[in-house]
Amino acid sequence: MPVQSKVFTYQIDGLSYIVTLYEEDGSFFSDITVVEGAMDVNAVYFGDDEFSGSSENLDGPLNMNGTRLDGERIQWDEAVALSDPGLGPEGEDKETYLQAGDTLTLELDIDSLDEVDIFGIRATSTTNDAGSIKAVSDDPEEPEEPEDPQDPTYEKLFFGEVFSDAGDPLGGTFILSEEPDPNPYSIPSLPEGTDPTFENYVSYYLSDAIGGDLSSLEGVVFYQTGEDGTQEEVFRIDAPEGGFQDPEDLFAAYEDALETQDLPAGTEGESLIMALSIEDASEDLAPEAEEETTEELELI
């Protein structure tokens, strides 16, 4: 996975800052943020950690002469002048003068964050004892991208073939996340150890254990335990006329429902289909299964 950001730090007595490099809309930027003290950022330098070839350098007070890393002379790939030393008539309002909490954003002429392993700042009017710095930062942190949110889980689903005019479940298949003990009505439940995500419910519904038929569905109802401890409907998916023709249709409707309900959508429907590797069974539900469903409805 390509690097998404790099964070450089620098700290001496009286001055500290961080530099965050990142990509946004195909362009690359650096955010220079002062944590403690203040400085007038006159120039920035950057490059990779291969010190070969000629080094970029700016003339006069913006130079980085003498900068070394682990005793080796640094070869800078790029040097960018930002301002002349001295606050001048603008004083602390000068654009490149940063105090604690201030951030200066610069666009970098690079094609990849991999091109920057070392970042240097030439600054004057600094709050350290010397009053200026030729700062060098290396070994940046590369923050990990946050993990994708986990797929929502549900305690019970109803794959409904028949609903009353009021929308109450009448015929179909309930599947529980865990088998209750006792289970007098033999209500189906996910295999032990299976995460109760929608894709796993669908996989089990279409497996030989249930033998579900997507085209026979009028809707799918999702349940969770409410504040009073009883299971409540969270939302439902209404099937199109003729039922769902394939798992792709069902997962697309599920993703739409998640967005409508403002719930944390997990993996995209297409990815779910690839992960399932399920076979679409075409047999109708057995009458015995419908009777068990009706008995369970009396308990709700």
C-alpha atoms as a PDB file:
ATOM      1  CA  MET A   1       0.000   0.000   0.000  1.00  0.00           C
ATOM      2  CA  PRO A   2       1.428   3.404  -0.905  1.00  0.00           C
ATOM      3  CA  VAL A   3       2.489   5.666   1.930  1.00  0.00           C
ATOM      4  CA  GLN A   4      -0.366   8.021   2.829  1.00  0.00           C
ATOM      5  CA  SER A   5       1.534  10.459   5.067  1.00  0.00           C
ATOM      6  CA  LYS A   6       4.881  11.099   6.735  1.00  0.00           C
ATOM      7  CA  VAL A   7       5.454  13.007   9.959  1.00  0.00           C
ATOM      8  CA  PHE A   8       8.829  14.617  10.779  1.00  0.00           C
ATOM      9  CA  THR A   9       9.625  16.128  14.178  1.00  0.00           C
ATOM     10  CA  TYR A  10      12.258  18.577  15.419  1.00  0.00           C
ATOM     11  CA  GLN A  11      12.944  19.757  18.958  1.00  0.00           C
ATOM     12  CA  ILE A  12      15.595  21.860  20.671  1.00  0.00           C
ATOM     13  CA  ASP A  13      15.473  24.064  23.762  1.00  0.00           C
ATOM     14  CA  GLY A  14      12.952  26.816  23.106  1.00  0.00           C
ATOM     15  CA  LEU A  15      11.592  25.483  19.802  1.00  0.00           C
ATOM     16  CA  SER A  16       9.817  22.410  18.478  1.00  0.00           C
ATOM     17  CA  TYR A  17       7.731  21.710  15.408  1.00  0.00           C
ATOM     18  CA  ILE A  18       6.271  18.920  13.322  1.00  0.00           C
ATOM     19  CA  VAL A  19       6.089  18.583   9.543  1.00  0.00           C
ATOM     20  CA  THR A  20       3.339  16.426   8.046  1.00  0.00           C
ATOM     21  CA  LEU A  21       3.629  15.382   4.405  1.00  0.00           C
ATOM     22  CA  TYR A  22       0.537  14.047   2.668  1.00  0.00           C
ATOM     23  CA  GLU A  23      -1.220  13.609  -0.658  1.00  0.00           C
ATOM     24  CA  GLU A  24      -4.510  15.273  -1.487  1.00  0.00           C
ATOM     25  CA  ASP A  25      -6.300  15.115  -4.830  1.00  0.00           C
ATOM     26  CA  GLY A  26      -3.131  14.039  -6.600  1.00  0.00           C
ATOM     27  CA  SER A  27      -0.961  16.835  -5.175  1.00  0.00           C
ATOM     28  CA  PHE A  28       1.542  16.674  -2.330  1.00  0.00           C
ATOM     29  CA  PHE A  29       1.711  19.061   0.608  1.00  0.00           C
ATOM     30  CA  SER A  30       3.642  19.709   3.795  1.00  0.00           C
ATOM     31  CA  ASP A  31       2.073  21.203   6.913  1.00  0.00           C
ATOM     32  CA  ILE A  32       4.689  22.869   9.122  1.00  0.00           C
ATOM     33  CA  THR A  33       3.232  23.331  12.613  1.00  0.00           C
ATOM     34  CA  VAL A  34       5.057  24.961  15.513  1.00  0.00           C
ATOM     35  CA  VAL A  35       4.447  23.176  18.807  1.00  0.00           C
ATOM     36  CA  GLU A  36       6.612  25.336  21.079  1.00  0.00           C
ATOM     37  CA  GLY A  37       8.267  28.706  20.499  1.00  0.00           C
ATOM     38  CA  ALA A  38       8.317  30.573  17.183  1.00  0.00           C
ATOM     39  CA  MET A  39      10.315  30.817  13.947  1.00  0.00           C
ATOM     40  CA  ASP A  40      10.381  32.569  10.611  1.00  0.00           C
ATOM     41  CA  VAL A  41      10.534  29.811   7.983  1.00  0.00           C
ATOM     42  CA  ASN A  42      12.772  31.176   5.232  1.00  0.00           C
ATOM     43  CA  ALA A  43      13.401  28.001   3.233  1.00  0.00           C
ATOM     44  CA  VAL A  44      12.697  24.283   3.186  1.00  0.00           C
ATOM     45  CA  TYR A  45      14.911  21.480   1.943  1.00  0.00           C
ATOM     46  CA  PHE A  46      14.050  17.844   1.318  1.00  0.00           C
ATOM     47  CA  GLY A  47      15.282  14.683  -0.366  1.00  0.00           C
ATOM     48  CA  ASP A  48      15.628  10.946  -0.144  1.00  0.00           C
ATOM     49  CA  ASP A  49      18.179   9.078   1.956  1.00  0.00           C
ATOM     50  CA  GLU A  50      20.471   8.249  -0.962  1.00  0.00           C
ATOM     51  CA  PHE A  51      23.227  10.856  -0.777  1.00  0.00           C
ATOM     52  CA  SER A  52      24.510  10.756  -4.346  1.00  0.00           C
ATOM     53  CA  GLY A  53      24.865  13.426  -6.999  1.00  0.00           C
ATOM     54  CA  SER A  54      24.901  17.180  -6.599  1.00  0.00           C
ATOM     55  CA  SER A  55      23.054  18.884  -3.769  1.00  0.00           C
ATOM     56  CA  GLU A  56      20.575  21.727  -4.097  1.00  0.00           C
ATOM     57  CA  ASN A  57      21.446  24.809  -2.056  1.00  0.00           C
ATOM     58  CA  LEU A  58      20.256  28.389  -1.802  1.00  0.00           C
ATOM     59  CA  ASP A  59      22.558  31.384  -1.743  1.00  0.00           C
ATOM     60  CA  GLY A  60      23.284  33.702   1.139  1.00  0.00           C
ATOM     61  CA  PRO A  61      21.432  33.395   4.451  1.00  0.00           C
ATOM     62  CA  LEU A  62      19.081  30.710   3.112  1.00  0.00           C
ATOM     63  CA  ASN A  63      21.856  28.144   2.678  1.00  0.00           C
ATOM     64  CA  MET A  64      22.077  24.864   4.573  1.00  0.00           C
ATOM     65  CA  ASN A  65      25.877  24.669   4.479  1.00  0.00           C
ATOM     66  CA  GLY A  66      27.365  22.301   6.986  1.00  0.00           C
ATOM     67  CA  THR A  67      24.264  20.207   7.640  1.00  0.00           C
ATOM     68  CA  ARG A  68      25.062  16.563   8.238  1.00  0.00           C
ATOM     69  CA  LEU A  69      23.193  13.429   9.178  1.00  0.00           C
ATOM     70  CA  ASP A  70      25.003  10.773  11.195  1.00  0.00           C
ATOM     71  CA  GLY A  71      28.254  12.456  10.238  1.00  0.00           C
ATOM     72  CA  GLU A  72      27.541  12.354   6.500  1.00  0.00           C
ATOM     73  CA  ARG A  73      27.035  15.432   4.366  1.00  0.00           C
ATOM     74  CA  ILE A  74      23.433  15.663   3.244  1.00  0.00           C
ATOM     75  CA  GLN A  75      22.650  15.756  -0.450  1.00  0.00           C
ATOM     76  CA  TRP A  76      19.417  17.725  -0.820  1.00  0.00           C
ATOM     77  CA  ASP A  77      17.204  16.977  -3.826  1.00  0.00           C
ATOM     78  CA  GLU A  78      15.117  20.139  -3.559  1.00  0.00           C
ATOM     79  CA  ALA A  79      15.474  23.572  -1.949  1.00  0.00           C
ATOM     80  CA  VAL A  80      12.593  26.089  -1.876  1.00  0.00           C
ATOM     81  CA  ALA A  81      13.007  29.728  -0.825  1.00  0.00           C
ATOM     82  CA  LEU A  82      10.040  31.155   1.061  1.00  0.00           C
ATOM     83  CA  SER A  83      11.078  34.514   2.506  1.00  0.00           C
ATOM     84  CA  ASP A  84      14.031  36.720   3.381  1.00  0.00           C
ATOM     85  CA  PRO A  85      15.300  36.718   6.967  1.00  0.00           C
ATOM     86  CA  GLY A  86      13.903  39.375   9.249  1.00  0.00           C
ATOM     87  CA  LEU A  87      10.325  40.133  10.186  1.00  0.00           C
ATOM     88  CA  GLY A  88      10.423  43.606   8.670  1.00  0.00           C
ATOM     89  CA  PRO A  89       7.449  45.956   8.807  1.00  0.00           C
ATOM     90  CA  GLU A  90       4.971  43.047   8.945  1.00  0.00           C
ATOM     91  CA  GLY A  91       6.400  41.887  12.246  1.00  0.00           C
ATOM     92  CA  GLU A  92       4.686  38.839  13.676  1.00  0.00           C
ATOM     93  CA  ASP A  93       2.069  39.087  10.927  1.00  0.00           C
ATOM     94  CA  LYS A  94       4.619  37.934   8.366  1.00  0.00           C
ATOM     95  CA  GLU A  95       3.191  34.945   6.500  1.00  0.00           C
ATOM     96  CA  THR A  96       6.192  32.691   7.169  1.00  0.00           C
ATOM     97  CA  TYR A  97       6.457  33.611  10.857  1.00  0.00           C
ATOM     98  CA  LEU A  98       4.950  30.822  12.898  1.00  0.00           C
ATOM     99  CA  GLN A  99       4.193  30.813  16.594  1.00  0.00           C
ATOM    100  CA  ALA A 100       2.952  27.918  18.728  1.00  0.00           C
ATOM    101  CA  GLY A 101      -0.170  26.486  17.129  1.00  0.00           C
ATOM    102  CA  ASP A 102       0.405  28.117  13.705  1.00  0.00           C
ATOM    103  CA  THR A 103       0.626  26.007  10.543  1.00  0.00           C
ATOM    104  CA  LEU A 104       2.190  26.862   7.189  1.00  0.00           C
ATOM    105  CA  THR A 105       1.078  24.700   4.256  1.00  0.00           C
ATOM    106  CA  LEU A 106       3.329  24.273   1.226  1.00  0.00           C
ATOM    107  CA  GLU A 107       2.780  22.343  -1.990  1.00  0.00           C
ATOM    108  CA  LEU A 108       5.769  20.149  -2.874  1.00  0.00           C
ATOM    109  CA  ASP A 109       6.932  19.398  -6.400  1.00  0.00           C
ATOM    110  CA  ILE A 110       7.177  15.634  -5.998  1.00  0.00           C
ATOM    111  CA  ASP A 111       5.483  12.607  -7.526  1.00  0.00           C
ATOM    112  CA  SER A 112       5.453  10.411  -4.427  1.00  0.00           C
ATOM    113  CA  LEU A 113       5.982  10.684  -0.684  1.00  0.00           C
ATOM    114  CA  ASP A 114       8.657   8.019  -1.126  1.00  0.00           C
ATOM    115  CA  GLU A 115      10.882  10.793  -2.518  1.00  0.00           C
ATOM    116  CA  VAL A 116      11.137  12.468   0.897  1.00  0.00           C
ATOM    117  CA  ASP A 117      13.082  10.763   3.687  1.00  0.00           C
ATOM    118  CA  ILE A 118      14.764  13.890   5.072  1.00  0.00           C
ATOM    119  CA  PHE A 119      13.242  17.313   5.653  1.00  0.00           C
ATOM    120  CA  GLY A 120      15.173  20.478   6.488  1.00  0.00           C
ATOM    121  CA  ILE A 121      14.129  23.967   7.535  1.00  0.00           C
ATOM    122  CA  ARG A 122      16.229  27.119   7.398  1.00  0.00           C
ATOM    123  CA  ALA A 123      14.641  29.602   9.801  1.00  0.00           C
ATOM    124  CA  THR A 124      15.541  32.861  11.517  1.00  0.00           C
ATOM    125  CA  SER A 125      13.908  34.906  14.285  1.00  0.00           C
ATOM    126  CA  THR A 126      13.683  31.669  16.233  1.00  0.00           C
ATOM    127  CA  THR A 127      13.137  31.323  19.976  1.00  0.00           C
ATOM    128  CA  ASN A 128      16.114  29.075  20.616  1.00  0.00           C
ATOM    129  CA  ASP A 129      19.330  30.562  22.024  1.00  0.00           C
ATOM    130  CA  ALA A 130      21.020  30.865  18.617  1.00  0.00           C
ATOM    131  CA  GLY A 131      18.127  32.788  17.094  1.00  0.00           C
ATOM    132  CA  SER A 132      18.229  30.705  13.917  1.00  0.00           C
ATOM    133  CA  ILE A 133      18.267  27.061  12.839  1.00  0.00           C
ATOM    134  CA  LYS A 134      19.463  24.809  10.076  1.00  0.00           C
ATOM    135  CA  ALA A 135      17.209  21.968  11.162  1.00  0.00           C
ATOM    136  CA  VAL A 136      17.345  18.424   9.805  1.00  0.00           C
ATOM    137  CA  SER A 137      14.697  15.775  10.477  1.00  0.00           C
ATOM    138  CA  ASP A 138      14.778  12.169   9.321  1.00  0.00           C
ATOM    139  CA  ASP A 139      13.228   8.826  10.225  1.00  0.00           C
ATOM    140  CA  PRO A 140       9.635  10.040   9.773  1.00  0.00           C
ATOM    141  CA  GLU A 141       6.668   8.279  11.241  1.00  0.00           C
ATOM    142  CA  GLU A 142       4.314   6.746   8.710  1.00  0.00           C
ATOM    143  CA  PRO A 143       0.920   6.585  10.421  1.00  0.00           C
ATOM    144  CA  GLU A 144      -1.114   3.548   9.550  1.00  0.00           C
ATOM    145  CA  GLU A 145      -4.367   4.084   7.757  1.00  0.00           C
ATOM    146  CA  PRO A 146      -7.340   3.445  10.007  1.00  0.00           C
ATOM    147  CA  GLU A 147      -8.852   0.048   9.566  1.00  0.00           C
ATOM    148  CA  ASP A 148     -12.059  -0.225   7.656  1.00  0.00           C
ATOM    149  CA  PRO A 149     -15.011  -0.175   9.987  1.00  0.00           C
ATOM    150  CA  GLN A 150     -16.200  -3.644  10.828  1.00  0.00           C
ATOM    151  CA  ASP A 151     -19.319  -4.946   9.179  1.00  0.00           C
ATOM    152  CA  PRO A 152     -22.450  -4.368  11.258  1.00  0.00           C
ATOM    153  CA  THR A 153     -23.679  -7.408  13.161  1.00  0.00           C
ATOM    154  CA  TYR A 154     -27.222  -8.461  13.942  1.00  0.00           C
ATOM    155  CA  GLU A 155     -28.795 -10.771  16.498  1.00  0.00           C
ATOM    156  CA  LYS A 156     -31.520 -12.077  14.206  1.00  0.00           C
ATOM    157  CA  LEU A 157     -32.620 -11.860  10.592  1.00  0.00           C
ATOM    158  CA  PHE A 158     -35.916 -12.781   8.983  1.00  0.00           C
ATOM    159  CA  PHE A 159     -35.835 -13.835   5.347  1.00  0.00           C
ATOM    160  CA  GLY A 160     -39.488 -13.168   4.633  1.00  0.00           C
ATOM    161  CA  GLU A 161     -41.648 -14.730   1.962  1.00  0.00           C
ATOM    162  CA  VAL A 162     -44.995 -13.626   3.363  1.00  0.00           C
ATOM    163  CA  PHE A 163     -45.897 -10.443   5.262  1.00  0.00           C
ATOM    164  CA  SER A 164     -49.238  -9.196   6.498  1.00  0.00           C
ATOM    165  CA  ASP A 165     -50.769  -6.018   5.110  1.00  0.00           C
ATOM    166  CA  ALA A 166     -49.306  -4.257   8.162  1.00  0.00           C
ATOM    167  CA  GLY A 167     -45.850  -5.618   7.350  1.00  0.00           C
ATOM    168  CA  ASP A 168     -45.728  -8.273  10.075  1.00  0.00           C
ATOM    169  CA  PRO A 169     -43.685 -11.409   9.275  1.00  0.00           C
ATOM    170  CA  LEU A 170     -45.922 -14.397   8.518  1.00  0.00           C
ATOM    171  CA  GLY A 171     -43.938 -16.893   6.464  1.00  0.00           C
ATOM    172  CA  GLY A 172     -40.248 -17.338   5.887  1.00  0.00           C
ATOM    173  CA  THR A 173     -37.085 -18.178   7.801  1.00  0.00           C
ATOM    174  CA  PHE A 174     -35.717 -16.685  10.983  1.00  0.00           C
ATOM    175  CA  ILE A 175     -31.991 -17.155  11.582  1.00  0.00           C
ATOM    176  CA  LEU A 176     -30.435 -16.360  14.968  1.00  0.00           C
ATOM    177  CA  SER A 177     -26.877 -15.279  15.643  1.00  0.00           C
ATOM    178  CA  GLU A 178     -26.515 -17.941  18.338  1.00  0.00           C
ATOM    179  CA  GLU A 179     -28.536 -21.018  19.148  1.00  0.00           C
ATOM    180  CA  PRO A 180     -30.554 -20.545  22.336  1.00  0.00           C
ATOM    181  CA  ASP A 181     -30.563 -23.143  25.066  1.00  0.00           C
ATOM    182  CA  PRO A 182     -33.122 -24.542  25.116  1.00  0.00           C
ATOM    183  CA  ASN A 183     -34.304 -24.215  21.521  1.00  0.00           C
ATOM    184  CA  PRO A 184     -37.749 -25.878  21.641  1.00  0.00           C
ATOM    185  CA  TYR A 185     -38.786 -24.675  18.186  1.00  0.00           C
ATOM    186  CA  SER A 186     -35.489 -25.604  16.481  1.00  0.00           C
ATOM    187  CA  ILE A 187     -35.013 -22.101  15.129  1.00  0.00           C
ATOM    188  CA  PRO A 188     -32.006 -22.077  12.770  1.00  0.00           C
ATOM    189  CA  SER A 189     -28.873 -20.264  13.951  1.00  0.00           C
ATOM    190  CA  LEU A 190     -25.522 -19.465  12.411  1.00  0.00           C
ATOM    191  CA  PRO A 191     -22.855 -22.126  12.823  1.00  0.00           C
ATOM    192  CA  GLU A 192     -20.909 -21.759  16.052  1.00  0.00           C
ATOM    193  CA  GLY A 193     -18.097 -19.214  15.786  1.00  0.00           C
ATOM    194  CA  THR A 194     -19.614 -17.396  12.784  1.00  0.00           C
ATOM    195  CA  ASP A 195     -19.701 -13.596  12.953  1.00  0.00           C
ATOM    196  CA  PRO A 196     -23.334 -12.468  12.641  1.00  0.00           C
ATOM    197  CA  THR A 197     -22.738 -10.181   9.668  1.00  0.00           C
ATOM    198  CA  PHE A 198     -25.214  -9.865   6.839  1.00  0.00           C
ATOM    199  CA  GLU A 199     -22.999 -11.713   4.388  1.00  0.00           C
ATOM    200  CA  ASN A 200     -22.723 -14.665   6.761  1.00  0.00           C
ATOM    201  CA  TYR A 201     -26.479 -14.758   7.272  1.00  0.00           C
ATOM    202  CA  VAL A 202     -27.003 -14.770   3.509  1.00  0.00           C
ATOM    203  CA  SER A 203     -24.380 -17.465   3.025  1.00  0.00           C
ATOM    204  CA  TYR A 204     -26.102 -19.663   5.582  1.00  0.00           C
ATOM    205  CA  TYR A 205     -29.563 -18.931   4.186  1.00  0.00           C
ATOM    206  CA  LEU A 206     -28.457 -20.086   0.731  1.00  0.00           C
ATOM    207  CA  SER A 207     -26.546 -23.100   2.021  1.00  0.00           C
ATOM    208  CA  ASP A 208     -27.874 -26.646   1.924  1.00  0.00           C
ATOM    209  CA  ALA A 209     -28.703 -26.355   5.623  1.00  0.00           C
ATOM    210  CA  ILE A 210     -31.510 -23.873   4.869  1.00  0.00           C
ATOM    211  CA  GLY A 211     -31.984 -24.079   1.115  1.00  0.00           C
ATOM    212  CA  GLY A 212     -33.241 -20.532   0.775  1.00  0.00           C
ATOM    213  CA  ASP A 213     -34.434 -19.033  -2.502  1.00  0.00           C
ATOM    214  CA  LEU A 214     -33.732 -15.336  -3.089  1.00  0.00           C
ATOM    215  CA  SER A 215     -36.401 -15.031  -5.754  1.00  0.00           C
ATOM    216  CA  SER A 216     -39.101 -16.038  -3.245  1.00  0.00           C
ATOM    217  CA  LEU A 217     -38.274 -13.209  -0.824  1.00  0.00           C
ATOM    218  CA  GLU A 218     -40.505 -10.220  -0.271  1.00  0.00           C
ATOM    219  CA  GLY A 219     -38.065  -8.676   2.185  1.00  0.00           C
ATOM    220  CA  VAL A 220     -35.364  -9.129   4.820  1.00  0.00           C
ATOM    221  CA  VAL A 221     -35.823  -7.817   8.365  1.00  0.00           C
ATOM    222  CA  PHE A 222     -32.912  -7.019  10.720  1.00  0.00           C
ATOM    223  CA  TYR A 223     -33.196  -7.266  14.506  1.00  0.00           C
ATOM    224  CA  GLN A 224     -31.160  -6.098  17.499  1.00  0.00           C
ATOM    225  CA  THR A 225     -31.817  -6.123  21.236  1.00  0.00           C
ATOM    226  CA  GLY A 226     -33.408  -2.879  22.388  1.00  0.00           C
ATOM    227  CA  GLU A 227     -32.899  -0.992  25.630  1.00  0.00           C
ATOM    228  CA  ASP A 228     -35.656  -2.985  27.324  1.00  0.00           C
ATOM    229  CA  GLY A 229     -33.953  -6.281  26.463  1.00  0.00           C
ATOM    230  CA  THR A 230     -36.404  -7.344  23.759  1.00  0.00           C
ATOM    231  CA  GLN A 231     -35.455  -7.822  20.143  1.00  0.00           C
ATOM    232  CA  GLU A 232     -36.580  -4.957  17.950  1.00  0.00           C
ATOM    233  CA  GLU A 233     -36.606  -4.414  14.221  1.00  0.00           C
ATOM    234  CA  VAL A 234     -33.755  -2.114  13.161  1.00  0.00           C
ATOM    235  CA  PHE A 235     -34.644  -1.807   9.487  1.00  0.00           C
ATOM    236  CA  ARG A 236     -35.697  -3.954   6.568  1.00  0.00           C
ATOM    237  CA  ILE A 237     -35.014  -4.438   2.874  1.00  0.00           C
ATOM    238  CA  ASP A 238     -37.989  -4.706   0.539  1.00  0.00           C
ATOM    239  CA  ALA A 239     -37.481  -6.998  -2.424  1.00  0.00           C
ATOM    240  CA  PRO A 240     -38.260  -5.812  -5.944  1.00  0.00           C
ATOM    241  CA  GLU A 241     -41.117  -7.398  -7.832  1.00  0.00           C
ATOM    242  CA  GLY A 242     -40.160 -10.996  -8.543  1.00  0.00           C
ATOM    243  CA  GLY A 243     -37.725 -11.133  -5.632  1.00  0.00           C
ATOM    244  CA  PHE A 244     -33.971 -10.807  -5.739  1.00  0.00           C
ATOM    245  CA  GLN A 245     -32.512 -12.448  -8.812  1.00  0.00           C
ATOM    246  CA  ASP A 246     -29.043 -12.999  -7.412  1.00  0.00           C
ATOM    247  CA  PRO A 247     -26.887 -12.156  -4.354  1.00  0.00           C
ATOM    248  CA  GLU A 248     -25.559  -9.051  -6.089  1.00  0.00           C
ATOM    249  CA  ASP A 249     -29.051  -7.521  -6.113  1.00  0.00           C
ATOM    250  CA  LEU A 250     -29.513  -8.320  -2.429  1.00  0.00           C
ATOM    251  CA  PHE A 251     -26.181  -6.851  -1.358  1.00  0.00           C
ATOM    252  CA  ALA A 252     -26.768  -3.714  -3.404  1.00  0.00           C
ATOM    253  CA  ALA A 253     -30.117  -3.229  -1.649  1.00  0.00           C
ATOM    254  CA  TYR A 254     -28.396  -3.826   1.699  1.00  0.00           C
ATOM    255  CA  GLU A 255     -25.762  -1.162   1.037  1.00  0.00           C
ATOM    256  CA  ASP A 256     -28.493   1.291   0.049  1.00  0.00           C
ATOM    257  CA  ALA A 257     -30.364   0.514   3.252  1.00  0.00           C
ATOM    258  CA  LEU A 258     -27.253   1.102   5.362  1.00  0.00           C
ATOM    259  CA  GLU A 259     -26.795   4.531   3.837  1.00  0.00           C
ATOM    260  CA  THR A 260     -30.453   5.390   4.360  1.00  0.00           C
ATOM    261  CA  GLN A 261     -30.335   4.247   7.974  1.00  0.00           C
ATOM    262  CA  ASP A 262     -27.000   6.034   8.592  1.00  0.00           C
ATOM    263  CA  LEU A 263     -25.478   2.812   9.864  1.00  0.00           C
ATOM    264  CA  PRO A 264     -21.775   1.923   9.513  1.00  0.00           C
ATOM    265  CA  ALA A 265     -21.523   0.336   6.095  1.00  0.00           C
ATOM    266  CA  GLY A 266     -18.779  -2.247   5.885  1.00  0.00           C
ATOM    267  CA  THR A 267     -17.354  -3.851   2.809  1.00  0.00           C
ATOM    268  CA  GLU A 268     -18.885  -2.908  -0.535  1.00  0.00           C
ATOM    269  CA  GLY A 269     -21.470  -5.326  -1.861  1.00  0.00           C
ATOM    270  CA  GLU A 270     -19.258  -6.475  -4.700  1.00  0.00           C
ATOM    271  CA  SER A 271     -16.515  -7.483  -2.264  1.00  0.00           C
ATOM    272  CA  LEU A 272     -19.010  -9.350  -0.144  1.00  0.00           C
ATOM    273  CA  ILE A 273     -20.091 -11.429  -3.112  1.00  0.00           C
ATOM    274  CA  MET A 274     -16.515 -12.363  -3.901  1.00  0.00           C
ATOM    275  CA  ALA A 275     -15.918 -13.370  -0.297  1.00  0.00           C
ATOM    276  CA  LEU A 276     -18.981 -15.534   0.037  1.00  0.00           C
ATOM    277  CA  SER A 277     -18.429 -18.040  -2.785  1.00  0.00           C
ATOM    278  CA  ILE A 278     -21.918 -19.345  -2.210  1.00  0.00           C
ATOM    279  CA  GLU A 279     -24.269 -21.367  -4.347  1.00  0.00           C
ATOM    280  CA  ASP A 280     -27.766 -20.047  -4.918  1.00  0.00           C
ATOM    281  CA  ALA A 281     -30.144 -22.851  -3.956  1.00  0.00           C
ATOM    282  CA  SER A 282     -33.413 -22.925  -5.883  1.00  0.00           C
ATOM    283  CA  GLU A 283     -35.567 -25.220  -3.700  1.00  0.00           C
ATOM    284  CA  ASP A 284     -38.583 -23.772  -1.889  1.00  0.00           C
ATOM    285  CA  LEU A 285     -38.749 -23.833   1.901  1.00  0.00           C
ATOM    286  CA  ALA A 286     -40.188 -27.011   3.344  1.00  0.00           C
ATOM    287  CA  PRO A 287     -43.624 -26.744   4.998  1.00  0.00           C
ATOM    288  CA  GLU A 288     -42.045 -27.838   8.278  1.00  0.00           C
ATOM    289  CA  ALA A 289     -39.775 -24.804   8.270  1.00  0.00           C
ATOM    290  CA  GLU A 290     -42.753 -22.482   7.776  1.00  0.00           C
ATOM    291  CA  GLU A 291     -44.544 -24.090  10.720  1.00  0.00           C
ATOM    292  CA  GLU A 292     -41.490 -23.579  12.953  1.00  0.00           C
ATOM    293  CA  THR A 293     -41.340 -19.939  11.882  1.00  0.00           C
ATOM    294  CA  THR A 294     -45.006 -19.401  12.765  1.00  0.00           C
ATOM    295  CA  GLU A 295     -44.454 -20.940  16.211  1.00  0.00           C
ATOM    296  CA  GLU A 296     -41.530 -18.607  16.844  1.00  0.00           C
ATOM    297  CA  LEU A 297     -43.619 -15.597  15.807  1.00  0.00           C
ATOM    298  CA  GLU A 298     -45.962 -16.354  18.680  1.00  0.00           C
ATOM    299  CA  LEU A 299     -43.049 -15.840  21.080  1.00  0.00           C
ATOM    300  CA  ILE A 300     -42.177 -12.324  19.856  1.00  0.00           C
END
